[in-house]
C-alpha atoms as a PDB file:
ATOM      1  CA  MET A   1     -57.438 -25.267 -37.366  1.00  0.00           C
ATOM      2  CA  THR A   2     -60.772 -25.886 -37.444  1.00  0.00           C
ATOM      3  CA  GLY A   3     -63.140 -23.684 -38.975  1.00  0.00           C
ATOM      4  CA  ASN A   4     -65.506 -23.394 -35.794  1.00  0.00           C
ATOM      5  CA  GLU A   5     -63.657 -21.059 -33.894  1.00  0.00           C
ATOM      6  CA  THR A   6     -65.910 -18.123 -32.149  1.00  0.00           C
ATOM      7  CA  ALA A   7     -64.251 -14.476 -31.642  1.00  0.00           C
ATOM      8  CA  HIS A   8     -63.364 -14.115 -28.051  1.00  0.00           C
ATOM      9  CA  GLU A   9     -62.740 -10.615 -25.905  1.00  0.00           C
ATOM     10  CA  SER A  10     -58.904 -10.860 -25.558  1.00  0.00           C
ATOM     11  CA  LEU A  11     -57.160  -9.279 -22.666  1.00  0.00           C
ATOM     12  CA  GLU A  12     -55.328  -5.748 -22.489  1.00  0.00           C
ATOM     13  CA  GLN A  13     -52.625  -4.926 -20.764  1.00  0.00           C
ATOM     14  CA  PRO A  14     -52.985  -2.008 -18.270  1.00  0.00           C
ATOM     15  CA  ARG A  15     -51.310   1.575 -19.251  1.00  0.00           C
ATOM     16  CA  ASN A  16     -48.491   3.325 -17.878  1.00  0.00           C
ATOM     17  CA  GLN A  17     -46.857   0.717 -15.726  1.00  0.00           C
ATOM     18  CA  SER A  18     -43.262  -0.271 -15.728  1.00  0.00           C
ATOM     19  CA  PRO A  19     -42.423  -3.925 -16.442  1.00  0.00           C
ATOM     20  CA  ALA A  20     -41.033  -4.556 -12.862  1.00  0.00           C
ATOM     21  CA  HIS A  21     -45.006  -3.284 -11.611  1.00  0.00           C
ATOM     22  CA  LYS A  22     -46.811  -5.203 -14.427  1.00  0.00           C
ATOM     23  CA  ARG A  23     -45.033  -8.420 -12.888  1.00  0.00           C
ATOM     24  CA  ASP A  24     -45.741  -7.581  -9.419  1.00  0.00           C
ATOM     25  CA  LEU A  25     -49.249  -6.672 -10.224  1.00  0.00           C
ATOM     26  CA  THR A  26     -49.348 -10.598 -11.712  1.00  0.00           C
ATOM     27  CA  ARG A  27     -48.205 -12.203  -8.419  1.00  0.00           C
ATOM     28  CA  ARG A  28     -50.343 -10.667  -6.195  1.00  0.00           C
ATOM     29  CA  LYS A  29     -53.978 -11.092  -7.510  1.00  0.00           C
ATOM     30  CA  VAL A  30     -54.951  -7.742  -7.898  1.00  0.00           C
ATOM     31  CA  VAL A  31     -57.936  -6.651  -9.791  1.00  0.00           C
ATOM     32  CA  VAL A  32     -57.230  -3.593 -11.985  1.00  0.00           C
ATOM     33  CA  ALA A  33     -59.200  -0.687 -13.547  1.00  0.00           C
ATOM     34  CA  GLY A  34     -62.363  -0.349 -11.431  1.00  0.00           C
ATOM     35  CA  GLY A  35     -62.786  -4.352  -8.957  1.00  0.00           C
ATOM     36  CA  ALA A  36     -63.707  -6.836 -11.017  1.00  0.00           C
ATOM     37  CA  ALA A  37     -62.890  -9.150 -13.969  1.00  0.00           C
ATOM     38  CA  VAL A  38     -64.393 -10.166 -16.639  1.00  0.00           C
ATOM     39  CA  ALA A  39     -64.727 -12.691 -18.153  1.00  0.00           C
ATOM     40  CA  ALA A  40     -61.919 -15.586 -18.982  1.00  0.00           C
ATOM     41  CA  VAL A  41     -63.334 -18.451 -20.877  1.00  0.00           C
ATOM     42  CA  GLY A  42     -66.240 -19.035 -23.108  1.00  0.00           C
ATOM     43  CA  VAL A  43     -67.653 -22.745 -23.746  1.00  0.00           C
ATOM     44  CA  GLY A  44     -69.405 -22.349 -27.218  1.00  0.00           C
ATOM     45  CA  GLY A  45     -69.529 -18.890 -27.359  1.00  0.00           C
ATOM     46  CA  GLY A  46     -71.977 -19.066 -24.074  1.00  0.00           C
ATOM     47  CA  LEU A  47     -71.190 -18.706 -20.318  1.00  0.00           C
ATOM     48  CA  ALA A  48     -68.035 -18.053 -18.403  1.00  0.00           C
ATOM     49  CA  ALA A  49     -67.167 -16.686 -15.456  1.00  0.00           C
ATOM     50  CA  SER A  50     -65.558 -13.302 -14.113  1.00  0.00           C
ATOM     51  CA  ALA A  51     -63.190 -13.254 -11.348  1.00  0.00           C
ATOM     52  CA  PHE A  52     -63.904 -11.212  -8.488  1.00  0.00           C
ATOM     53  CA  ALA A  53     -61.364  -9.827  -5.869  1.00  0.00           C
ATOM     54  CA  ASP A  54     -63.094 -11.844  -2.800  1.00  0.00           C
ATOM     55  CA  GLY A  55     -62.919 -14.840  -5.392  1.00  0.00           C
ATOM     56  CA  ALA A  56     -66.384 -14.862  -6.207  1.00  0.00           C
ATOM     57  CA  THR A  57     -67.708 -15.375  -9.788  1.00  0.00           C
ATOM     58  CA  SER A  58     -70.592 -14.441 -11.702  1.00  0.00           C
ATOM     59  CA  PRO A  59     -71.666 -15.727 -15.274  1.00  0.00           C
ATOM     60  CA  VAL A  60     -70.944 -13.461 -18.032  1.00  0.00           C
ATOM     61  CA  ASN A  61     -71.255 -13.164 -21.981  1.00  0.00           C
ATOM     62  CA  VAL A  62     -68.231 -14.104 -23.689  1.00  0.00           C
ATOM     63  CA  LYS A  63     -69.426 -12.421 -26.887  1.00  0.00           C
ATOM     64  CA  GLY A  64     -70.523  -8.795 -25.653  1.00  0.00           C
ATOM     65  CA  THR A  65     -68.126  -6.222 -24.629  1.00  0.00           C
ATOM     66  CA  PRO A  66     -66.598  -6.104 -21.009  1.00  0.00           C
ATOM     67  CA  SER A  67     -67.862  -3.113 -18.949  1.00  0.00           C
ATOM     68  CA  ALA A  68     -65.401  -3.357 -16.307  1.00  0.00           C
ATOM     69  CA  GLY A  69     -61.563  -3.080 -16.144  1.00  0.00           C
ATOM     70  CA  GLU A  70     -59.984  -6.337 -17.001  1.00  0.00           C
ATOM     71  CA  ALA A  71     -57.736  -8.875 -14.834  1.00  0.00           C
ATOM     72  CA  CYS A  72     -54.448  -9.668 -14.804  1.00  0.00           C
ATOM     73  CA  TYR A  73     -53.720 -13.184 -13.562  1.00  0.00           C
ATOM     74  CA  THR A  74     -50.653 -14.897 -11.206  1.00  0.00           C
ATOM     75  CA  LEU A  75     -49.122 -18.052 -12.633  1.00  0.00           C
ATOM     76  CA  THR A  76     -51.200 -21.120 -12.735  1.00  0.00           C
ATOM     77  CA  SER A  77     -50.213 -23.700 -10.608  1.00  0.00           C
ATOM     78  CA  GLU A  78     -47.039 -26.113 -11.905  1.00  0.00           C
ATOM     79  CA  THR A  79     -47.553 -29.784 -10.808  1.00  0.00           C
ATOM     80  CA  THR A  80     -46.085 -33.723 -11.865  1.00  0.00           C
ATOM     81  CA  GLU A  81     -45.987 -34.502 -15.248  1.00  0.00           C
ATOM     82  CA  GLY A  82     -46.795 -38.163 -14.117  1.00  0.00           C
ATOM     83  CA  PRO A  83     -44.926 -41.226 -15.670  1.00  0.00           C
ATOM     84  CA  TYR A  84     -47.725 -41.543 -18.689  1.00  0.00           C
ATOM     85  CA  TYR A  85     -46.810 -38.813 -20.645  1.00  0.00           C
ATOM     86  CA  ILE A  86     -46.541 -39.916 -23.859  1.00  0.00           C
ATOM     87  CA  ASP A  87     -45.069 -36.511 -26.610  1.00  0.00           C
ATOM     88  CA  ALA A  88     -47.307 -34.799 -28.934  1.00  0.00           C
ATOM     89  CA  ASP A  89     -48.201 -37.630 -31.730  1.00  0.00           C
ATOM     90  CA  LYS A  90     -51.739 -37.433 -31.727  1.00  0.00           C
ATOM     91  CA  ILE A  91     -52.729 -33.710 -33.246  1.00  0.00           C
ATOM     92  CA  ARG A  92     -56.855 -33.752 -32.440  1.00  0.00           C
ATOM     93  CA  GLN A  93     -59.239 -31.649 -31.173  1.00  0.00           C
ATOM     94  CA  ASP A  94     -61.219 -35.091 -29.854  1.00  0.00           C
ATOM     95  CA  ILE A  95     -59.821 -37.652 -27.854  1.00  0.00           C
ATOM     96  CA  THR A  96     -62.726 -39.700 -26.770  1.00  0.00           C
ATOM     97  CA  GLU A  97     -61.823 -42.446 -29.806  1.00  0.00           C
ATOM     98  CA  ASP A  98     -64.956 -44.276 -28.958  1.00  0.00           C
ATOM     99  CA  GLU A  99     -64.259 -44.385 -25.553  1.00  0.00           C
ATOM    100  CA  GLU A 100     -67.291 -44.953 -22.906  1.00  0.00           C
ATOM    101  CA  GLY A 101     -68.105 -42.049 -20.044  1.00  0.00           C
ATOM    102  CA  ILE A 102     -70.045 -39.118 -19.926  1.00  0.00           C
ATOM    103  CA  PRO A 103     -69.228 -36.390 -22.527  1.00  0.00           C
ATOM    104  CA  MET A 104     -67.162 -33.344 -21.947  1.00  0.00           C
ATOM    105  CA  THR A 105     -66.128 -30.605 -23.738  1.00  0.00           C
ATOM    106  CA  LEU A 106     -62.731 -28.800 -22.486  1.00  0.00           C
ATOM    107  CA  THR A 107     -61.961 -25.069 -23.382  1.00  0.00           C
ATOM    108  CA  LEU A 108     -58.990 -23.679 -21.893  1.00  0.00           C
ATOM    109  CA  LYS A 109     -56.860 -20.268 -22.489  1.00  0.00           C
ATOM    110  CA  VAL A 110     -54.006 -19.850 -21.975  1.00  0.00           C
ATOM    111  CA  ILE A 111     -52.504 -15.661 -21.225  1.00  0.00           C
ATOM    112  CA  ASP A 112     -49.376 -14.309 -20.573  1.00  0.00           C
ATOM    113  CA  ALA A 113     -48.996 -14.061 -16.700  1.00  0.00           C
ATOM    114  CA  GLU A 114     -46.889 -10.881 -17.004  1.00  0.00           C
ATOM    115  CA  THR A 115     -48.772  -9.043 -19.965  1.00  0.00           C
ATOM    116  CA  CYS A 116     -52.396 -10.476 -19.734  1.00  0.00           C
ATOM    117  CA  LYS A 117     -52.379 -11.182 -23.105  1.00  0.00           C
ATOM    118  CA  PRO A 118     -53.685 -14.455 -24.978  1.00  0.00           C
ATOM    119  CA  ILE A 119     -51.024 -16.718 -26.391  1.00  0.00           C
ATOM    120  CA  ARG A 120     -51.585 -17.787 -30.046  1.00  0.00           C
ATOM    121  CA  ASN A 121     -50.032 -20.539 -31.601  1.00  0.00           C
ATOM    122  CA  ALA A 122     -49.412 -22.391 -28.432  1.00  0.00           C
ATOM    123  CA  ALA A 123     -49.750 -26.678 -28.526  1.00  0.00           C
ATOM    124  CA  VAL A 124     -51.648 -27.721 -25.411  1.00  0.00           C
ATOM    125  CA  ASP A 125     -51.709 -31.190 -24.761  1.00  0.00           C
ATOM    126  CA  ILE A 126     -54.122 -33.217 -22.596  1.00  0.00           C
ATOM    127  CA  TRP A 127     -54.055 -36.621 -21.300  1.00  0.00           C
ATOM    128  CA  HIS A 128     -56.333 -38.335 -18.886  1.00  0.00           C
ATOM    129  CA  CYS A 129     -57.489 -42.164 -17.498  1.00  0.00           C
ATOM    130  CA  SER A 130     -60.439 -43.425 -19.084  1.00  0.00           C
ATOM    131  CA  ALA A 131     -63.396 -43.862 -16.808  1.00  0.00           C
ATOM    132  CA  LEU A 132     -62.487 -46.800 -15.217  1.00  0.00           C
ATOM    133  CA  GLY A 133     -58.989 -45.677 -14.304  1.00  0.00           C
ATOM    134  CA  ILE A 134     -56.964 -46.656 -16.849  1.00  0.00           C
ATOM    135  CA  TYR A 135     -54.037 -44.486 -19.508  1.00  0.00           C
ATOM    136  CA  SER A 136     -54.194 -45.668 -23.073  1.00  0.00           C
ATOM    137  CA  GLY A 137     -50.515 -46.698 -23.714  1.00  0.00           C
ATOM    138  CA  TYR A 138     -50.174 -48.200 -20.622  1.00  0.00           C
ATOM    139  CA  GLU A 139     -52.946 -50.790 -19.993  1.00  0.00           C
ATOM    140  CA  ALA A 140     -50.954 -53.468 -18.820  1.00  0.00           C
ATOM    141  CA  MET A 141     -51.204 -51.152 -15.665  1.00  0.00           C
ATOM    142  CA  GLY A 142     -54.501 -51.836 -15.124  1.00  0.00           C
ATOM    143  CA  SER A 143     -55.961 -48.924 -12.964  1.00  0.00           C
ATOM    144  CA  GLY A 144     -55.339 -48.196  -9.060  1.00  0.00           C
ATOM    145  CA  GLY A 145     -53.037 -51.788  -9.282  1.00  0.00           C
ATOM    146  CA  ALA A 146     -55.298 -53.858 -10.081  1.00  0.00           C
ATOM    147  CA  GLY A 147     -54.070 -55.352 -13.062  1.00  0.00           C
ATOM    148  CA  GLY A 148     -57.414 -55.645 -15.275  1.00  0.00           C
ATOM    149  CA  GLY A 149     -59.753 -57.838 -14.910  1.00  0.00           C
ATOM    150  CA  GLY A 150     -63.321 -58.011 -15.002  1.00  0.00           C
ATOM    151  CA  ALA A 151     -65.564 -54.880 -14.107  1.00  0.00           C
ATOM    152  CA  PRO A 152     -66.058 -54.709 -10.225  1.00  0.00           C
ATOM    153  CA  THR A 153     -70.170 -54.292  -9.627  1.00  0.00           C
ATOM    154  CA  ASP A 154     -70.703 -52.323  -6.687  1.00  0.00           C
ATOM    155  CA  ALA A 155     -70.798 -48.453  -6.901  1.00  0.00           C
ATOM    156  CA  PRO A 156     -68.083 -46.111  -5.282  1.00  0.00           C
ATOM    157  CA  SER A 157     -68.596 -45.201  -1.615  1.00  0.00           C
ATOM    158  CA  GLY A 158     -68.323 -40.713  -1.263  1.00  0.00           C
ATOM    159  CA  THR A 159     -66.604 -41.295   1.483  1.00  0.00           C
ATOM    160  CA  PRO A 160     -62.752 -42.606   0.661  1.00  0.00           C
ATOM    161  CA  THR A 161     -61.198 -44.917   3.654  1.00  0.00           C
ATOM    162  CA  GLY A 162     -58.218 -42.678   4.417  1.00  0.00           C
ATOM    163  CA  THR A 163     -55.870 -40.507   2.841  1.00  0.00           C
ATOM    164  CA  PRO A 164     -53.305 -42.457   0.993  1.00  0.00           C
ATOM    165  CA  THR A 165     -49.772 -42.583   1.915  1.00  0.00           C
ATOM    166  CA  GLY A 166     -46.428 -43.529   0.400  1.00  0.00           C
ATOM    167  CA  GLU A 167     -45.628 -44.636  -2.603  1.00  0.00           C
ATOM    168  CA  PRO A 168     -48.630 -46.103  -5.153  1.00  0.00           C
ATOM    169  CA  PRO A 169     -48.951 -49.826  -5.214  1.00  0.00           C
ATOM    170  CA  SER A 170     -46.664 -51.701  -8.336  1.00  0.00           C
ATOM    171  CA  GLY A 171     -48.229 -50.985 -11.442  1.00  0.00           C
ATOM    172  CA  ALA A 172     -50.552 -48.457 -10.251  1.00  0.00           C
ATOM    173  CA  PRO A 173     -50.774 -44.922 -12.248  1.00  0.00           C
ATOM    174  CA  SER A 174     -49.064 -42.987 -10.198  1.00  0.00           C
ATOM    175  CA  GLY A 175     -49.964 -39.786 -11.155  1.00  0.00           C
ATOM    176  CA  GLY A 176     -46.733 -37.959 -10.457  1.00  0.00           C
ATOM    177  CA  THR A 177     -45.722 -39.342  -7.055  1.00  0.00           C
ATOM    178  CA  GLY A 178     -42.303 -40.003  -7.940  1.00  0.00           C
ATOM    179  CA  GLY A 179     -40.532 -42.701 -10.142  1.00  0.00           C
ATOM    180  CA  GLY A 180     -40.312 -40.702 -13.802  1.00  0.00           C
ATOM    181  CA  HIS A 181     -41.551 -41.047 -16.878  1.00  0.00           C
ATOM    182  CA  SER A 182     -42.689 -45.341 -17.665  1.00  0.00           C
ATOM    183  CA  GLU A 183     -42.223 -46.136 -21.011  1.00  0.00           C
ATOM    184  CA  PRO A 184     -45.142 -46.843 -23.069  1.00  0.00           C
ATOM    185  CA  THR A 185     -46.363 -50.953 -22.779  1.00  0.00           C
ATOM    186  CA  ASP A 186     -49.266 -50.553 -25.624  1.00  0.00           C
ATOM    187  CA  ASP A 187     -49.583 -48.761 -28.754  1.00  0.00           C
ATOM    188  CA  GLU A 188     -53.240 -47.504 -27.568  1.00  0.00           C
ATOM    189  CA  ARG A 189     -53.437 -43.674 -27.584  1.00  0.00           C
ATOM    190  CA  TYR A 190     -56.944 -43.010 -26.593  1.00  0.00           C
ATOM    191  CA  LEU A 191     -57.806 -39.789 -24.306  1.00  0.00           C
ATOM    192  CA  ARG A 192     -55.000 -37.972 -25.592  1.00  0.00           C
ATOM    193  CA  GLY A 193     -54.479 -35.179 -27.989  1.00  0.00           C
ATOM    194  CA  THR A 194     -52.818 -31.845 -29.068  1.00  0.00           C
ATOM    195  CA  TRP A 195     -53.740 -29.002 -30.416  1.00  0.00           C
ATOM    196  CA  ARG A 196     -53.485 -25.434 -31.076  1.00  0.00           C
ATOM    197  CA  THR A 197     -54.493 -22.586 -29.403  1.00  0.00           C
ATOM    198  CA  ASP A 198     -56.158 -19.812 -31.550  1.00  0.00           C
ATOM    199  CA  LYS A 199     -55.641 -16.107 -31.777  1.00  0.00           C
ATOM    200  CA  HIS A 200     -57.158 -15.053 -28.670  1.00  0.00           C
ATOM    201  CA  GLY A 201     -55.311 -18.198 -26.964  1.00  0.00           C
ATOM    202  CA  TYR A 202     -58.219 -20.571 -26.728  1.00  0.00           C
ATOM    203  CA  VAL A 203     -57.939 -24.289 -27.059  1.00  0.00           C
ATOM    204  CA  THR A 204     -60.916 -26.956 -26.798  1.00  0.00           C
ATOM    205  CA  PHE A 205     -60.518 -30.747 -27.258  1.00  0.00           C
ATOM    206  CA  LYS A 206     -63.787 -33.242 -26.854  1.00  0.00           C
ATOM    207  CA  THR A 207     -63.528 -36.049 -24.118  1.00  0.00           C
ATOM    208  CA  VAL A 208     -65.395 -37.393 -21.373  1.00  0.00           C
ATOM    209  CA  PHE A 209     -65.211 -37.034 -17.814  1.00  0.00           C
ATOM    210  CA  PRO A 210     -62.324 -38.896 -16.372  1.00  0.00           C
ATOM    211  CA  GLY A 211     -62.980 -41.941 -13.794  1.00  0.00           C
ATOM    212  CA  TRP A 212     -60.319 -42.518 -10.823  1.00  0.00           C
ATOM    213  CA  TYR A 213     -57.708 -45.063  -9.758  1.00  0.00           C
ATOM    214  CA  GLN A 214     -56.220 -45.489  -6.553  1.00  0.00           C
ATOM    215  CA  GLY A 215     -54.365 -42.799  -5.017  1.00  0.00           C
ATOM    216  CA  ARG A 216     -55.307 -39.964  -6.778  1.00  0.00           C
ATOM    217  CA  CYS A 217     -58.544 -37.921  -7.091  1.00  0.00           C
ATOM    218  CA  VAL A 218     -60.157 -37.416 -10.586  1.00  0.00           C
ATOM    219  CA  HIS A 219     -58.050 -35.151 -12.787  1.00  0.00           C
ATOM    220  CA  ILE A 220     -56.679 -34.457 -16.046  1.00  0.00           C
ATOM    221  CA  HIS A 221     -53.123 -33.573 -17.111  1.00  0.00           C
ATOM    222  CA  VAL A 222     -52.198 -30.596 -19.318  1.00  0.00           C
ATOM    223  CA  LYS A 223     -48.713 -28.994 -21.107  1.00  0.00           C
ATOM    224  CA  VAL A 224     -48.484 -25.881 -22.818  1.00  0.00           C
ATOM    225  CA  HIS A 225     -45.714 -25.730 -25.619  1.00  0.00           C
ATOM    226  CA  VAL A 226     -44.482 -22.926 -27.391  1.00  0.00           C
ATOM    227  CA  ASP A 227     -41.910 -21.400 -29.683  1.00  0.00           C
ATOM    228  CA  GLY A 228     -42.202 -24.169 -31.689  1.00  0.00           C
ATOM    229  CA  GLU A 229     -43.611 -24.390 -35.259  1.00  0.00           C
ATOM    230  CA  TRP A 230     -46.447 -25.715 -36.669  1.00  0.00           C
ATOM    231  CA  THR A 231     -45.649 -28.105 -39.427  1.00  0.00           C
ATOM    232  CA  ASP A 232     -47.856 -30.591 -42.050  1.00  0.00           C
ATOM    233  CA  ALA A 233     -46.212 -33.513 -39.233  1.00  0.00           C
ATOM    234  CA  GLY A 234     -47.563 -31.786 -36.366  1.00  0.00           C
ATOM    235  CA  TYR A 235     -45.539 -29.373 -33.412  1.00  0.00           C
ATOM    236  CA  GLU A 236     -42.038 -29.345 -33.603  1.00  0.00           C
ATOM    237  CA  GLY A 237     -39.138 -27.434 -31.445  1.00  0.00           C
ATOM    238  CA  GLY A 238     -40.086 -24.710 -28.949  1.00  0.00           C
ATOM    239  CA  HIS A 239     -40.183 -25.297 -25.573  1.00  0.00           C
ATOM    240  CA  THR A 240     -42.756 -26.081 -22.605  1.00  0.00           C
ATOM    241  CA  CYS A 241     -43.358 -23.540 -20.256  1.00  0.00           C
ATOM    242  CA  HIS A 242     -46.573 -25.048 -18.271  1.00  0.00           C
ATOM    243  CA  THR A 243     -46.914 -28.346 -16.968  1.00  0.00           C
ATOM    244  CA  GLY A 244     -49.626 -28.974 -15.126  1.00  0.00           C
ATOM    245  CA  GLN A 245     -53.238 -30.464 -13.622  1.00  0.00           C
ATOM    246  CA  LEU A 246     -56.589 -30.172 -14.296  1.00  0.00           C
ATOM    247  CA  PHE A 247     -59.296 -30.939 -10.742  1.00  0.00           C
ATOM    248  CA  PHE A 248     -62.934 -31.504 -10.389  1.00  0.00           C
ATOM    249  CA  ASP A 249     -64.977 -30.723  -7.398  1.00  0.00           C
ATOM    250  CA  GLU A 250     -66.066 -33.603  -5.278  1.00  0.00           C
ATOM    251  CA  LYS A 251     -69.848 -32.935  -5.958  1.00  0.00           C
ATOM    252  CA  SER A 252     -69.598 -33.627  -9.681  1.00  0.00           C
ATOM    253  CA  VAL A 253     -67.153 -36.846  -9.312  1.00  0.00           C
ATOM    254  CA  LEU A 254     -69.629 -38.118  -6.811  1.00  0.00           C
ATOM    255  CA  ALA A 255     -72.412 -37.042  -9.055  1.00  0.00           C
ATOM    256  CA  SER A 256     -70.399 -38.819 -12.264  1.00  0.00           C
ATOM    257  CA  ALA A 257     -70.176 -42.154  -9.762  1.00  0.00           C
ATOM    258  CA  THR A 258     -73.667 -42.531 -10.559  1.00  0.00           C
ATOM    259  CA  VAL A 259     -73.559 -43.429 -14.108  1.00  0.00           C
ATOM    260  CA  ALA A 260     -72.505 -46.113 -15.925  1.00  0.00           C
ATOM    261  CA  PRO A 261     -69.558 -47.289 -16.758  1.00  0.00           C
ATOM    262  CA  TYR A 262     -68.180 -45.059 -13.535  1.00  0.00           C
ATOM    263  CA  SER A 263     -70.498 -46.678 -10.867  1.00  0.00           C
ATOM    264  CA  THR A 264     -68.868 -50.157 -11.831  1.00  0.00           C
ATOM    265  CA  ASN A 265     -65.409 -49.027 -10.457  1.00  0.00           C
ATOM    266  CA  THR A 266     -64.731 -49.958  -7.097  1.00  0.00           C
ATOM    267  CA  THR A 267     -61.302 -48.660  -6.557  1.00  0.00           C
ATOM    268  CA  THR A 268     -61.131 -46.855  -3.504  1.00  0.00           C
ATOM    269  CA  ARG A 269     -61.653 -43.018  -4.199  1.00  0.00           C
ATOM    270  CA  THR A 270     -59.056 -40.181  -3.071  1.00  0.00           C
ATOM    271  CA  THR A 271     -60.961 -36.765  -2.807  1.00  0.00           C
ATOM    272  CA  LEU A 272     -59.710 -33.682  -3.808  1.00  0.00           C
ATOM    273  CA  THR A 273     -58.952 -32.702  -0.330  1.00  0.00           C
ATOM    274  CA  GLU A 274     -57.253 -35.569   0.033  1.00  0.00           C
ATOM    275  CA  ASP A 275     -54.804 -35.442  -2.940  1.00  0.00           C
ATOM    276  CA  THR A 276     -51.593 -34.922  -2.664  1.00  0.00           C
ATOM    277  CA  ILE A 277     -50.203 -33.632  -6.259  1.00  0.00           C
ATOM    278  CA  TYR A 278     -53.838 -30.852  -5.878  1.00  0.00           C
ATOM    279  CA  PRO A 279     -52.515 -27.236  -4.480  1.00  0.00           C
ATOM    280  CA  GLN A 280     -55.298 -27.166  -2.594  1.00  0.00           C
ATOM    281  CA  ASN A 281     -56.258 -23.484  -3.926  1.00  0.00           C
ATOM    282  CA  GLY A 282     -58.668 -23.834  -6.231  1.00  0.00           C
ATOM    283  CA  HIS A 283     -59.037 -22.606  -9.778  1.00  0.00           C
ATOM    284  CA  GLU A 284     -55.507 -21.212  -8.730  1.00  0.00           C
ATOM    285  CA  GLY A 285     -54.358 -24.313  -8.472  1.00  0.00           C
ATOM    286  CA  GLY A 286     -56.396 -26.338 -12.105  1.00  0.00           C
ATOM    287  CA  LEU A 287     -59.865 -26.836 -10.293  1.00  0.00           C
ATOM    288  CA  LEU A 288     -62.220 -26.154 -13.233  1.00  0.00           C
ATOM    289  CA  PHE A 289     -65.147 -24.654 -13.752  1.00  0.00           C
ATOM    290  CA  LEU A 290     -68.064 -26.954 -14.841  1.00  0.00           C
ATOM    291  CA  GLU A 291     -71.184 -26.586 -16.233  1.00  0.00           C
ATOM    292  CA  TYR A 292     -74.115 -29.392 -16.948  1.00  0.00           C
ATOM    293  CA  ASP A 293     -78.175 -29.695 -16.053  1.00  0.00           C
ATOM    294  CA  LYS A 294     -77.768 -29.982 -12.106  1.00  0.00           C
ATOM    295  CA  LYS A 295     -82.058 -30.561 -12.210  1.00  0.00           C
ATOM    296  CA  ARG A 296     -81.412 -34.265 -11.254  1.00  0.00           C
ATOM    297  CA  THR A 297     -77.452 -36.165 -10.084  1.00  0.00           C
ATOM    298  CA  ALA A 298     -78.160 -38.290 -12.977  1.00  0.00           C
ATOM    299  CA  ASP A 299     -78.779 -35.839 -15.490  1.00  0.00           C
ATOM    300  CA  ILE A 300     -74.309 -35.403 -15.839  1.00  0.00           C
ATOM    301  CA  ALA A 301     -74.815 -37.812 -18.232  1.00  0.00           C
ATOM    302  CA  LYS A 302     -76.107 -35.525 -20.416  1.00  0.00           C
ATOM    303  CA  GLY A 303     -72.852 -33.872 -20.846  1.00  0.00           C
ATOM    304  CA  VAL A 304     -70.165 -31.630 -19.169  1.00  0.00           C
ATOM    305  CA  ARG A 305     -68.541 -28.256 -19.992  1.00  0.00           C
ATOM    306  CA  ALA A 306     -65.494 -27.446 -18.761  1.00  0.00           C
ATOM    307  CA  HIS A 307     -63.179 -23.963 -18.677  1.00  0.00           C
ATOM    308  CA  LEU A 308     -60.493 -22.359 -17.294  1.00  0.00           C
ATOM    309  CA  THR A 309     -58.098 -19.766 -17.896  1.00  0.00           C
ATOM    310  CA  MET A 310     -54.699 -21.031 -17.487  1.00  0.00           C
ATOM    311  CA  SER A 311     -51.626 -18.192 -17.083  1.00  0.00           C
ATOM    312  CA  VAL A 312     -48.502 -19.447 -17.720  1.00  0.00           C
ATOM    313  CA  ALA A 313     -44.915 -17.813 -17.925  1.00  0.00           C
ATOM    314  CA  PRO A 314     -43.849 -18.385 -22.007  1.00  0.00           C
ATOM    315  CA  ASP A 315     -40.346 -17.371 -21.433  1.00  0.00           C
ATOM    316  CA  GLU A 316     -40.082 -19.934 -18.329  1.00  0.00           C
ATOM    317  CA  THR A 317     -39.712 -24.155 -19.172  1.00  0.00           C
ATOM    318  CA  HIS A 318     -41.241 -25.803 -16.998  1.00  0.00           C
ATOM    319  CA  ASP A 319     -41.051 -29.580 -18.447  1.00  0.00           C
ATOM    320  CA  SER A 320     -42.283 -31.222 -15.230  1.00  0.00           C
ATOM    321  CA  THR A 321     -41.626 -31.677 -11.429  1.00  0.00           C
ATOM    322  CA  ASP A 322     -41.513 -34.258  -8.873  1.00  0.00           C
ATOM    323  CA  THR A 323     -42.415 -31.688  -5.894  1.00  0.00           C
ATOM    324  CA  GLN A 324     -45.332 -30.521  -3.872  1.00  0.00           C
ATOM    325  CA  PRO A 325     -46.532 -27.361  -5.551  1.00  0.00           C
ATOM    326  CA  SER A 326     -46.206 -24.040  -3.225  1.00  0.00           C
ATOM    327  CA  ALA A 327     -48.854 -22.458  -1.730  1.00  0.00           C
ATOM    328  CA  SER A 328     -47.985 -19.192  -3.765  1.00  0.00           C
ATOM    329  CA  ALA A 329     -49.807 -20.492  -6.819  1.00  0.00           C
ATOM    330  CA  SER A 330     -51.774 -19.156  -9.682  1.00  0.00           C
ATOM    331  CA  ALA A 331     -55.260 -17.012 -10.029  1.00  0.00           C
ATOM    332  CA  SER A 332     -57.216 -18.832 -12.695  1.00  0.00           C
ATOM    333  CA  SER A 333     -60.648 -18.178 -13.676  1.00  0.00           C
END
């Protein structure tokens, strides 16, 4: 682990409840002990967001001591792995590899959905496409079926032309709409990495704001592995307890589209509401909290901080799924 971890408040289990009752609480998005849920995620020790029963959020300082009751969470939505996963071969926090794009710090907190306690020493994988919609390891696939080539010259429209239907075009990143895993076509590994959660369940990555490709909204893939062992060679054994995706609100995506090199991507963009993988359930389904300078749209270029709490079932195995997520997905904040 790096030496720059900050102390975070852990989530404690409500007392005097049977295991069955505790599990029932985690499945019903119930706020315990006084009505308000305390901060879930810290970004560089700064602001996070607290969740309330009505779904509203407010900033809190994660360095402080919670003054209200603490929240239990229902399971974070499982979504498809997609065809472009490459097993944990880059143990690192900075996954940028000089890729161009808006700098982004992503902080995730992983907790047990039944006990609400942080999960320490879990291996968290993330991977996503470049600003121009290309996945490392699969550069021959191009972006959105375009097959590579020169960069387009016009900025994308904020109004997509329609909801995509059927399978993606041949060679296009499908984001998991079917077809299973694809074997890598090259040795590139930018915008991919694995790191361990600290004793408070936190893991932080340095990357860039993802771009888009045909048929999918802007997203990041994520996996959580538990019960394995950290060795000099990396993470070995254990099982995958969560496979999901993280999403970006439409306003932030449109802001990013004004910044180079995103502004050169003319691939038809699918909005969050049109996406067939996103569960349409807000932060419960992986929608990230985003922080950046909003004085001017172009100020997003200075950098973005993203964060989310993911509630998982560590005793279960969720390697991947090619089925649509259910409407009864999770509460994450």
